N, C-alpha and C. Protein backbone atom coordinates (compact mmCIF):
# COMPACT_ATOMS: atom_id res chain seq x y z
N UNK A 1 174.35 181.02 180.51
CA UNK A 1 173.97 179.95 181.59
C UNK A 1 175.07 178.96 181.60
N UNK A 2 175.52 178.49 182.67
CA UNK A 2 176.22 177.36 182.82
C UNK A 2 175.56 176.23 183.13
N UNK A 3 175.57 175.06 182.08
CA UNK A 3 174.72 173.86 182.08
C UNK A 3 175.62 172.64 182.46
N UNK A 4 177.00 172.69 182.37
CA UNK A 4 177.69 171.58 182.69
C UNK A 4 179.14 172.03 182.90
N UNK A 5 179.74 171.33 183.89
CA UNK A 5 181.15 171.51 184.17
C UNK A 5 181.95 170.27 184.22
N UNK A 6 182.97 170.15 183.60
CA UNK A 6 183.98 169.02 183.51
C UNK A 6 185.39 169.34 183.96
N UNK A 7 185.85 169.03 184.99
CA UNK A 7 187.04 169.36 185.48
C UNK A 7 187.54 168.52 186.64
N UNK A 8 188.63 169.31 187.26
CA UNK A 8 189.16 168.55 188.46
C UNK A 8 188.63 169.19 189.83
N UNK A 9 188.35 168.43 190.85
CA UNK A 9 188.10 168.94 192.08
C UNK A 9 189.35 169.50 192.77
N UNK A 10 189.46 170.72 193.24
CA UNK A 10 190.64 171.30 193.87
C UNK A 10 190.20 171.52 195.37
N UNK A 11 188.95 171.68 195.58
CA UNK A 11 188.64 171.65 197.19
C UNK A 11 187.17 170.76 197.25
N UNK A 12 187.14 170.17 198.31
CA UNK A 12 186.00 169.16 198.45
C UNK A 12 185.32 169.28 199.88
N UNK A 13 184.15 169.68 199.87
CA UNK A 13 183.48 169.62 201.37
C UNK A 13 182.15 169.00 201.05
N UNK A 14 181.36 168.45 201.92
CA UNK A 14 180.26 167.67 201.65
C UNK A 14 179.08 168.42 200.85
N UNK A 15 178.95 169.59 201.13
CA UNK A 15 177.87 170.35 200.16
C UNK A 15 178.47 171.44 199.25
N UNK A 16 179.76 171.57 199.22
CA UNK A 16 180.40 172.37 198.21
C UNK A 16 181.65 171.92 197.56
N UNK A 17 181.93 172.09 196.34
CA UNK A 17 183.13 171.75 195.58
C UNK A 17 183.59 173.00 194.85
N UNK A 18 185.00 172.94 194.65
CA UNK A 18 185.46 173.89 193.84
C UNK A 18 186.16 173.27 192.68
N UNK A 19 185.72 173.37 191.41
CA UNK A 19 186.06 172.61 190.40
C UNK A 19 187.11 173.52 189.43
N UNK A 20 188.15 172.92 189.16
CA UNK A 20 189.04 173.78 188.17
C UNK A 20 188.68 173.31 186.84
N UNK A 21 188.19 174.26 185.98
CA UNK A 21 187.90 173.97 184.53
C UNK A 21 188.71 174.89 183.65
N UNK A 22 189.93 174.36 183.27
CA UNK A 22 190.72 175.23 182.32
C UNK A 22 191.29 176.44 183.08
N UNK A 23 191.78 176.04 184.27
CA UNK A 23 192.34 177.12 185.15
C UNK A 23 191.46 178.16 185.79
N UNK A 24 190.13 177.95 185.76
CA UNK A 24 189.06 178.74 186.29
C UNK A 24 188.38 177.98 187.46
N UNK A 25 188.49 178.06 188.81
CA UNK A 25 187.88 177.54 189.87
C UNK A 25 186.46 178.05 190.13
N UNK A 26 185.51 177.13 189.64
CA UNK A 26 183.94 177.39 189.96
C UNK A 26 183.69 176.70 191.30
N UNK A 27 183.03 177.58 192.05
CA UNK A 27 182.39 177.08 193.29
C UNK A 27 181.00 176.42 193.03
N UNK A 28 180.72 175.30 193.30
CA UNK A 28 179.46 174.55 193.02
C UNK A 28 178.90 173.98 194.37
N UNK A 29 177.75 174.47 194.53
CA UNK A 29 177.03 173.77 195.57
C UNK A 29 176.33 172.40 195.35
N UNK A 30 176.71 171.35 195.95
CA UNK A 30 176.10 169.98 195.67
C UNK A 30 175.21 169.38 196.96
N UNK A 31 174.22 168.49 196.49
CA UNK A 31 173.59 167.88 197.44
C UNK A 31 174.52 166.72 197.91
N UNK A 32 174.11 165.95 199.13
CA UNK A 32 175.00 164.99 199.70
C UNK A 32 175.09 163.73 198.82
N UNK A 33 173.91 163.57 197.97
CA UNK A 33 173.77 162.47 196.98
C UNK A 33 174.75 162.64 195.97
N UNK A 34 175.07 163.64 195.48
CA UNK A 34 176.00 164.15 194.40
C UNK A 34 177.51 163.96 195.07
N UNK A 35 177.68 164.42 196.10
CA UNK A 35 178.98 164.33 196.53
C UNK A 35 179.39 162.77 196.90
N UNK A 36 178.32 162.04 197.40
CA UNK A 36 178.78 160.57 197.70
C UNK A 36 178.78 159.87 196.23
N UNK A 37 178.04 160.08 195.29
CA UNK A 37 178.07 159.49 194.39
C UNK A 37 179.48 159.63 193.45
N UNK A 38 179.87 160.88 193.52
CA UNK A 38 181.05 161.30 192.64
C UNK A 38 182.26 160.80 193.48
N UNK A 39 182.17 160.56 194.73
CA UNK A 39 183.25 160.11 195.80
C UNK A 39 184.37 161.28 195.59
N UNK A 40 183.74 162.52 195.69
CA UNK A 40 184.40 163.86 195.45
C UNK A 40 185.63 163.96 196.48
N UNK A 41 186.68 164.10 195.92
CA UNK A 41 187.96 164.53 196.74
C UNK A 41 188.84 165.19 195.89
N UNK A 42 189.80 165.90 196.55
CA UNK A 42 190.81 166.78 195.61
C UNK A 42 191.52 165.83 194.82
N UNK A 43 191.45 166.41 193.43
CA UNK A 43 192.28 165.57 192.36
C UNK A 43 191.22 164.66 191.46
N UNK A 44 190.12 164.68 191.90
CA UNK A 44 189.24 163.79 191.10
C UNK A 44 188.52 164.40 190.01
N UNK A 45 188.50 163.81 188.95
CA UNK A 45 187.75 164.38 187.91
C UNK A 45 186.42 164.31 187.96
N UNK A 46 185.44 165.32 187.59
CA UNK A 46 184.09 165.26 187.84
C UNK A 46 183.38 165.91 186.53
N UNK A 47 182.21 165.26 186.37
CA UNK A 47 181.31 165.80 185.28
C UNK A 47 180.01 166.29 185.86
N UNK A 48 179.73 167.52 186.00
CA UNK A 48 178.38 167.90 186.73
C UNK A 48 177.39 168.61 185.81
N UNK A 49 176.19 168.22 186.05
CA UNK A 49 175.15 169.09 185.48
C UNK A 49 174.92 170.08 186.43
N UNK A 50 174.67 171.34 185.81
CA UNK A 50 174.71 172.52 186.83
C UNK A 50 173.26 173.30 186.37
N UNK A 51 173.09 174.25 187.50
CA UNK A 51 172.01 175.12 187.25
C UNK A 51 172.64 176.57 187.95
N UNK A 52 172.64 177.50 187.27
CA UNK A 52 173.15 178.87 187.80
C UNK A 52 171.95 179.56 188.16
N UNK A 53 171.73 179.86 189.46
CA UNK A 53 170.45 180.51 190.13
C UNK A 53 171.13 182.07 190.31
N UNK A 54 170.35 182.79 189.63
CA UNK A 54 170.71 184.37 189.66
C UNK A 54 169.70 185.21 190.55
N UNK A 55 170.44 185.85 191.56
CA UNK A 55 169.55 186.71 192.50
C UNK A 55 170.13 188.13 192.27
N UNK A 56 169.56 189.13 192.96
CA UNK A 56 170.15 190.41 192.86
C UNK A 56 171.55 190.45 193.61
N UNK A 57 171.47 189.72 194.78
CA UNK A 57 172.70 189.77 195.66
C UNK A 57 173.79 188.72 195.37
N UNK A 58 173.45 187.63 194.38
CA UNK A 58 174.31 186.56 194.40
C UNK A 58 174.05 185.64 192.91
N UNK A 59 175.04 185.12 192.37
CA UNK A 59 174.82 184.24 191.34
C UNK A 59 175.47 182.84 191.92
N UNK A 60 174.59 181.98 192.16
CA UNK A 60 175.01 180.65 192.86
C UNK A 60 174.95 179.49 191.86
N UNK A 61 176.01 178.71 191.89
CA UNK A 61 176.01 177.62 190.95
C UNK A 61 175.72 176.28 191.64
N UNK A 62 174.77 175.52 191.17
CA UNK A 62 174.25 174.13 191.76
C UNK A 62 174.76 172.99 190.96
N UNK A 63 175.28 172.17 191.53
CA UNK A 63 175.81 171.01 190.68
C UNK A 63 175.25 169.50 191.08
N UNK A 64 174.96 168.75 190.08
CA UNK A 64 174.54 167.32 190.23
C UNK A 64 175.08 166.48 189.48
N UNK A 65 175.10 165.15 190.03
CA UNK A 65 175.85 163.94 189.40
C UNK A 65 175.06 163.46 188.17
N UNK A 66 173.69 163.60 188.23
CA UNK A 66 172.87 163.06 187.24
C UNK A 66 171.83 164.17 186.68
N UNK A 67 171.33 163.96 185.49
CA UNK A 67 170.23 164.90 185.02
C UNK A 67 169.02 164.60 185.86
N UNK A 68 168.71 163.35 186.35
CA UNK A 68 167.50 163.25 187.29
C UNK A 68 167.63 164.01 188.50
N UNK A 69 168.71 164.19 189.13
CA UNK A 69 168.84 165.18 190.32
C UNK A 69 168.56 166.57 189.91
N UNK A 70 169.16 167.05 188.76
CA UNK A 70 168.93 168.41 188.46
C UNK A 70 167.47 168.66 188.06
N UNK A 71 166.88 167.59 187.23
CA UNK A 71 165.56 167.85 187.04
C UNK A 71 164.55 167.92 188.07
N UNK A 72 164.91 167.14 189.20
CA UNK A 72 163.99 167.17 190.50
C UNK A 72 164.20 168.46 191.04
N UNK A 73 165.40 169.09 191.16
CA UNK A 73 165.76 170.33 191.65
C UNK A 73 165.23 171.41 191.01
N UNK A 74 164.99 171.42 189.67
CA UNK A 74 164.54 172.47 188.97
C UNK A 74 162.81 172.46 189.12
N UNK A 75 162.28 171.25 189.12
CA UNK A 75 160.80 171.06 189.38
C UNK A 75 160.43 171.72 190.68
N UNK A 76 161.32 171.39 191.58
CA UNK A 76 160.99 171.96 193.01
C UNK A 76 161.03 173.59 193.17
N UNK A 77 162.11 174.14 192.46
CA UNK A 77 162.28 175.57 192.67
C UNK A 77 161.36 176.23 191.56
N UNK A 78 160.95 175.52 190.49
CA UNK A 78 160.19 176.22 189.51
C UNK A 78 158.67 176.05 189.65
N UNK A 79 158.28 174.76 190.09
CA UNK A 79 156.86 174.40 190.23
C UNK A 79 156.20 174.29 191.58
N UNK A 80 156.84 174.54 192.59
CA UNK A 80 156.49 174.28 193.88
C UNK A 80 156.51 175.60 194.62
N UNK A 81 155.45 176.41 195.03
CA UNK A 81 155.56 177.85 195.53
C UNK A 81 156.12 177.69 196.87
N UNK A 82 156.94 178.73 197.16
CA UNK A 82 157.62 178.63 198.38
C UNK A 82 158.94 177.81 198.52
N UNK A 83 159.30 177.04 197.47
CA UNK A 83 160.59 176.34 197.59
C UNK A 83 161.58 177.11 196.67
N UNK A 84 162.65 177.17 197.38
CA UNK A 84 163.86 177.78 196.86
C UNK A 84 164.98 176.85 196.71
N UNK A 85 166.12 177.22 196.28
CA UNK A 85 167.16 176.38 196.03
C UNK A 85 167.77 175.68 197.40
N UNK A 86 167.59 176.37 198.48
CA UNK A 86 168.14 175.70 199.82
C UNK A 86 167.22 174.63 200.12
N UNK A 87 165.92 174.72 200.04
CA UNK A 87 165.00 173.61 200.46
C UNK A 87 165.01 172.59 199.38
N UNK A 88 165.28 172.72 198.14
CA UNK A 88 165.31 171.66 197.02
C UNK A 88 166.66 170.90 197.16
N UNK A 89 167.82 171.66 197.77
CA UNK A 89 169.10 171.09 197.96
C UNK A 89 168.88 170.03 199.30
N UNK A 90 168.17 170.50 200.26
CA UNK A 90 167.91 169.67 201.50
C UNK A 90 167.17 168.42 201.25
N UNK A 91 166.16 168.60 200.10
CA UNK A 91 165.39 167.48 199.69
C UNK A 91 166.36 166.39 199.16
N UNK A 92 167.21 166.81 198.17
CA UNK A 92 168.05 165.91 197.50
C UNK A 92 169.04 165.26 198.49
N UNK A 93 169.52 166.08 199.46
CA UNK A 93 170.38 165.53 200.26
C UNK A 93 169.86 164.58 201.32
N UNK A 94 168.54 164.75 201.52
CA UNK A 94 167.85 163.96 202.56
C UNK A 94 167.24 162.75 202.21
N UNK A 95 166.97 162.53 200.97
CA UNK A 95 166.14 161.47 200.30
C UNK A 95 166.71 161.12 199.02
N UNK A 96 166.99 159.87 198.67
CA UNK A 96 167.14 159.53 197.36
C UNK A 96 166.15 159.80 196.37
N UNK A 97 166.67 160.13 195.07
CA UNK A 97 165.57 160.73 194.16
C UNK A 97 164.55 159.56 193.92
N UNK A 98 164.79 158.46 193.89
CA UNK A 98 163.87 157.38 193.56
C UNK A 98 162.82 157.24 194.68
N UNK A 99 163.27 157.51 195.96
CA UNK A 99 162.43 157.40 197.09
C UNK A 99 161.39 158.82 197.15
N UNK A 100 162.03 159.71 196.81
CA UNK A 100 161.23 161.10 196.65
C UNK A 100 160.12 160.70 195.85
N UNK A 101 160.35 160.38 194.55
CA UNK A 101 159.39 159.94 193.45
C UNK A 101 158.33 159.07 194.12
N UNK A 102 158.76 158.00 194.84
CA UNK A 102 157.78 157.10 195.24
C UNK A 102 156.87 157.88 196.48
N UNK A 103 157.43 158.74 197.15
CA UNK A 103 156.67 159.35 198.27
C UNK A 103 155.64 160.38 197.54
N UNK A 104 156.10 160.96 196.41
CA UNK A 104 155.16 161.99 195.71
C UNK A 104 154.06 161.14 195.12
N UNK A 105 154.50 159.93 194.54
CA UNK A 105 153.21 159.05 193.77
C UNK A 105 152.30 158.63 194.76
N UNK A 106 152.84 158.24 196.03
CA UNK A 106 152.02 157.50 196.95
C UNK A 106 151.41 158.72 197.88
N UNK A 107 151.84 159.84 197.83
CA UNK A 107 151.27 161.07 198.70
C UNK A 107 151.91 160.77 200.26
N UNK A 108 152.92 160.32 200.32
CA UNK A 108 153.53 160.06 201.48
C UNK A 108 154.06 161.27 202.28
N UNK A 109 153.44 162.29 202.71
CA UNK A 109 153.97 163.47 203.15
C UNK A 109 154.63 163.28 204.51
N UNK A 110 154.31 162.18 205.20
CA UNK A 110 155.01 161.90 206.43
C UNK A 110 156.49 161.62 206.26
N UNK A 111 156.91 160.82 205.38
CA UNK A 111 158.28 160.55 204.93
C UNK A 111 158.94 161.77 204.50
N UNK A 112 158.42 162.46 203.46
CA UNK A 112 159.05 163.75 203.16
C UNK A 112 159.34 164.66 204.22
N UNK A 113 158.52 164.83 205.09
CA UNK A 113 158.45 165.73 206.29
C UNK A 113 159.53 165.36 207.31
N UNK A 114 160.17 164.22 207.02
CA UNK A 114 161.24 163.71 208.05
C UNK A 114 162.79 164.44 207.39
N UNK A 115 162.73 165.00 206.22
CA UNK A 115 163.89 165.57 205.57
C UNK A 115 163.98 167.00 206.37
N UNK A 116 165.30 166.96 206.71
CA UNK A 116 165.70 168.30 207.66
C UNK A 116 165.25 169.42 206.91
N UNK A 117 164.59 170.39 207.53
CA UNK A 117 164.21 171.68 207.01
C UNK A 117 162.86 171.71 206.32
N UNK A 118 162.30 170.52 206.09
CA UNK A 118 161.09 170.51 205.38
C UNK A 118 159.73 170.85 205.91
N UNK A 119 159.42 169.93 206.94
CA UNK A 119 158.20 170.32 207.64
C UNK A 119 157.05 169.49 207.11
N UNK A 120 156.14 169.43 207.79
CA UNK A 120 154.80 168.51 207.32
C UNK A 120 154.08 169.46 206.17
N UNK A 121 153.91 170.75 206.42
CA UNK A 121 153.03 171.55 205.57
C UNK A 121 153.84 171.74 204.29
N UNK A 122 155.14 171.85 204.25
CA UNK A 122 155.84 172.02 202.89
C UNK A 122 155.83 170.66 202.12
N UNK A 123 155.92 169.59 203.05
CA UNK A 123 155.91 168.23 202.29
C UNK A 123 154.65 168.00 201.57
N UNK A 124 153.34 168.45 202.24
CA UNK A 124 152.16 168.21 201.70
C UNK A 124 151.98 169.20 200.34
N UNK A 125 152.68 170.24 200.36
CA UNK A 125 152.55 171.27 199.45
C UNK A 125 153.31 170.70 198.00
N UNK A 126 154.40 170.07 198.41
CA UNK A 126 155.38 169.55 197.39
C UNK A 126 154.43 168.43 196.78
N UNK A 127 153.64 167.58 197.51
CA UNK A 127 153.08 166.44 196.74
C UNK A 127 151.95 167.08 195.97
N UNK A 128 151.00 168.05 196.61
CA UNK A 128 149.91 168.49 195.91
C UNK A 128 150.39 169.29 194.67
N UNK A 129 151.29 170.06 194.73
CA UNK A 129 151.56 170.85 193.64
C UNK A 129 152.36 170.06 192.49
N UNK A 130 153.00 169.20 192.86
CA UNK A 130 153.59 168.19 191.78
C UNK A 130 152.74 167.30 191.07
N UNK A 131 151.63 166.94 191.90
CA UNK A 131 150.72 166.08 191.39
C UNK A 131 149.62 166.84 190.39
N UNK A 132 149.19 168.04 190.99
CA UNK A 132 148.25 168.90 190.21
C UNK A 132 148.92 169.66 189.11
N UNK A 133 150.02 170.30 189.22
CA UNK A 133 150.33 171.30 188.33
C UNK A 133 151.09 170.54 187.16
N UNK A 134 151.86 169.70 187.42
CA UNK A 134 152.94 169.13 186.42
C UNK A 134 152.59 167.90 185.81
N UNK A 135 151.87 166.94 186.68
CA UNK A 135 151.51 165.68 186.05
C UNK A 135 152.91 164.84 186.00
N UNK A 136 153.87 165.16 186.95
CA UNK A 136 155.00 164.36 186.88
C UNK A 136 154.80 162.89 187.38
N UNK A 137 153.86 162.87 188.39
CA UNK A 137 153.70 161.52 188.88
C UNK A 137 153.17 160.48 187.96
N UNK A 138 152.51 160.98 186.88
CA UNK A 138 152.03 160.03 186.01
C UNK A 138 153.15 159.30 185.24
N UNK A 139 154.30 160.07 184.85
CA UNK A 139 155.56 159.83 184.25
C UNK A 139 156.03 158.85 185.15
N UNK A 140 156.33 159.15 186.44
CA UNK A 140 156.90 158.21 187.38
C UNK A 140 156.18 157.00 187.58
N UNK A 141 155.00 156.93 187.52
CA UNK A 141 154.15 155.66 187.86
C UNK A 141 154.35 154.91 186.43
N UNK A 142 154.20 155.39 185.30
CA UNK A 142 154.60 154.62 184.15
C UNK A 142 155.76 154.04 183.98
N UNK A 143 156.77 154.73 184.36
CA UNK A 143 158.12 154.38 184.42
C UNK A 143 158.43 153.17 185.43
N UNK A 144 157.80 153.35 186.51
CA UNK A 144 158.05 152.23 187.73
C UNK A 144 157.31 150.90 187.24
N UNK A 145 156.00 151.17 186.61
CA UNK A 145 155.41 149.93 186.22
C UNK A 145 155.83 149.29 184.88
N UNK A 146 156.80 149.85 184.40
CA UNK A 146 157.41 149.42 183.01
C UNK A 146 156.53 149.69 181.80
N UNK A 147 155.53 150.64 181.88
CA UNK A 147 154.78 151.17 180.73
C UNK A 147 155.66 151.99 179.81
N UNK A 148 156.66 152.46 180.52
CA UNK A 148 157.44 153.54 179.76
C UNK A 148 158.79 153.24 180.06
N UNK A 149 159.79 153.40 179.07
CA UNK A 149 161.30 153.10 179.37
C UNK A 149 161.83 154.23 180.25
N UNK A 150 162.83 153.91 181.11
CA UNK A 150 163.51 154.85 181.98
C UNK A 150 164.08 155.99 180.98
N UNK A 151 164.52 155.69 179.99
CA UNK A 151 165.00 156.80 179.03
C UNK A 151 164.09 157.63 178.65
N UNK A 152 162.86 157.23 178.19
CA UNK A 152 161.70 158.13 177.71
C UNK A 152 161.30 158.87 178.83
N UNK A 153 161.04 158.22 180.04
CA UNK A 153 160.71 158.97 181.20
C UNK A 153 161.72 160.09 181.73
N UNK A 154 163.01 159.93 181.63
CA UNK A 154 163.76 160.92 181.91
C UNK A 154 163.83 161.94 181.06
N UNK A 155 163.63 161.68 179.61
CA UNK A 155 163.62 162.78 178.79
C UNK A 155 162.25 163.51 178.83
N UNK A 156 161.19 162.91 179.00
CA UNK A 156 159.97 163.64 179.53
C UNK A 156 159.99 164.57 180.69
N UNK A 157 160.72 164.05 181.66
CA UNK A 157 160.83 164.73 182.99
C UNK A 157 161.55 166.06 182.66
N UNK A 158 162.67 165.65 181.95
CA UNK A 158 163.67 166.93 181.63
C UNK A 158 162.90 168.01 180.78
N UNK A 159 162.06 167.75 179.84
CA UNK A 159 161.23 168.74 179.24
C UNK A 159 160.21 169.26 180.14
N UNK A 160 159.55 168.59 181.07
CA UNK A 160 158.74 169.22 182.10
C UNK A 160 159.44 170.08 182.79
N UNK A 161 160.65 169.78 183.35
CA UNK A 161 161.58 170.79 184.14
C UNK A 161 161.89 172.08 183.41
N UNK A 162 161.62 172.02 182.28
CA UNK A 162 162.21 173.12 181.24
C UNK A 162 160.95 174.07 181.07
N UNK A 163 159.73 173.48 181.56
CA UNK A 163 158.54 174.31 181.50
C UNK A 163 157.50 173.87 180.47
N UNK A 164 157.75 172.80 179.83
CA UNK A 164 156.81 172.18 178.65
C UNK A 164 155.76 171.47 179.52
N UNK A 165 154.62 171.44 178.82
CA UNK A 165 153.50 170.67 179.26
C UNK A 165 153.63 169.00 179.13
N UNK A 166 153.27 168.54 180.06
CA UNK A 166 153.46 167.01 179.92
C UNK A 166 152.94 166.46 178.59
N UNK A 167 151.74 166.72 178.14
CA UNK A 167 151.25 166.27 177.10
C UNK A 167 152.08 166.42 175.80
N UNK A 168 152.66 167.65 175.82
CA UNK A 168 153.38 168.13 174.57
C UNK A 168 154.81 167.35 174.66
N UNK A 169 155.23 167.26 175.90
CA UNK A 169 156.70 166.56 175.83
C UNK A 169 156.41 165.27 175.70
N UNK A 170 155.33 164.57 175.86
CA UNK A 170 155.39 163.07 175.59
C UNK A 170 155.17 162.89 174.11
N UNK A 171 154.40 163.76 173.36
CA UNK A 171 154.21 163.70 172.16
C UNK A 171 155.61 163.72 171.34
N UNK A 172 156.37 164.79 171.69
CA UNK A 172 157.54 164.91 171.05
C UNK A 172 158.72 164.02 171.29
N UNK A 173 158.73 163.19 172.62
CA UNK A 173 159.54 162.28 172.84
C UNK A 173 159.12 160.89 171.97
N UNK A 174 157.80 160.67 171.96
CA UNK A 174 157.32 159.49 171.27
C UNK A 174 157.80 159.65 169.65
N UNK A 175 157.49 160.92 169.11
CA UNK A 175 157.81 161.20 167.73
C UNK A 175 159.31 161.06 167.45
N UNK A 176 160.27 161.19 168.35
CA UNK A 176 161.56 161.07 168.21
C UNK A 176 162.02 159.71 168.47
N UNK A 177 161.38 158.87 169.37
CA UNK A 177 161.63 157.40 169.59
C UNK A 177 161.02 156.69 168.24
N UNK A 178 160.02 157.02 167.70
CA UNK A 178 159.53 156.54 166.39
C UNK A 178 160.52 156.35 165.37
N UNK A 179 161.25 157.50 165.19
CA UNK A 179 162.46 157.71 164.37
C UNK A 179 163.66 156.98 164.73
N UNK A 180 163.98 157.09 166.12
CA UNK A 180 165.37 156.48 166.66
C UNK A 180 165.07 155.70 167.81
N UNK A 181 164.67 154.43 167.74
CA UNK A 181 164.35 153.81 169.06
C UNK A 181 165.19 153.61 170.10
N UNK A 182 166.60 153.54 169.54
CA UNK A 182 167.68 153.32 170.77
C UNK A 182 168.15 154.57 170.96
N UNK A 183 167.61 155.76 170.94
CA UNK A 183 168.12 157.02 171.17
C UNK A 183 168.47 157.06 172.86
N UNK A 184 169.36 157.71 173.20
CA UNK A 184 169.81 157.92 174.50
C UNK A 184 168.98 159.08 175.07
N UNK A 185 168.84 159.40 176.34
CA UNK A 185 168.22 160.42 176.99
C UNK A 185 168.51 161.92 176.37
N UNK A 186 169.69 162.19 176.37
CA UNK A 186 170.11 163.33 175.88
C UNK A 186 169.72 163.69 174.46
N UNK A 187 169.90 162.62 173.67
CA UNK A 187 169.58 162.82 172.21
C UNK A 187 167.93 162.88 172.07
N UNK A 188 167.12 162.19 172.92
CA UNK A 188 165.82 162.43 173.10
C UNK A 188 165.33 163.75 173.29
N UNK A 189 166.07 164.30 174.22
CA UNK A 189 165.70 165.63 174.61
C UNK A 189 166.03 166.64 173.71
N UNK A 190 167.24 166.49 172.95
CA UNK A 190 167.43 167.59 171.79
C UNK A 190 166.53 167.43 170.83
N UNK A 191 166.15 166.17 170.33
CA UNK A 191 165.24 165.80 169.36
C UNK A 191 163.98 166.21 169.62
N UNK A 192 163.43 166.16 170.81
CA UNK A 192 162.06 166.63 171.09
C UNK A 192 161.90 168.10 171.12
N UNK A 193 163.16 168.66 171.64
CA UNK A 193 163.09 170.25 171.53
C UNK A 193 162.93 170.80 170.01
N UNK A 194 163.80 170.05 169.20
CA UNK A 194 163.70 170.47 167.78
C UNK A 194 162.20 170.20 167.36
N UNK A 195 161.67 169.19 167.74
CA UNK A 195 160.31 168.90 167.07
C UNK A 195 159.34 169.83 167.61
N UNK A 196 159.39 170.17 168.84
CA UNK A 196 158.37 171.15 169.50
C UNK A 196 158.64 172.55 168.94
N UNK A 197 159.91 172.86 168.37
CA UNK A 197 160.00 174.21 167.87
C UNK A 197 159.59 174.39 166.43
N UNK A 198 159.53 173.22 165.82
CA UNK A 198 158.94 173.29 164.40
C UNK A 198 157.49 173.46 164.28
């Protein structure tokens, strides 16, 4: 699995980059939000979080500027029935991550449905399944209201995206935070994974 790429952009298009990493050119599909954030152009150094999607006919590498974008992408393709990588990329390209979270929390399917390629029924299904199956909205609400730090919320969402239950993810993150109150998101995720495996 390819989880991260650091290298130089040798080809740049709004939805696709070719990144030279040690002499190997990786084609990476990116949402517009990532393309804009990286200010991607030929010769620019980039650091992408990635997901390798494997199908019988193709291996496709998707890239994201932030962990948060990748987590939302993974939640959509893993937790919402009928959502594949193309629709998940359309969501990330069509609406900022923070606004997407607000729409899910508020149940605003009308705004989500305005994303190109989504439609009203798919928008409603995203809201319903993220609220019911994953419990993600609780984490988003607590982070927005200040009840939980954004670092802890990001770590919890990363664990949920990896398939862990919210209650288990929250316990593990709190355990790590008790020992290391100033831990960064990546350190929290690694520590929580170790805690859950013990």
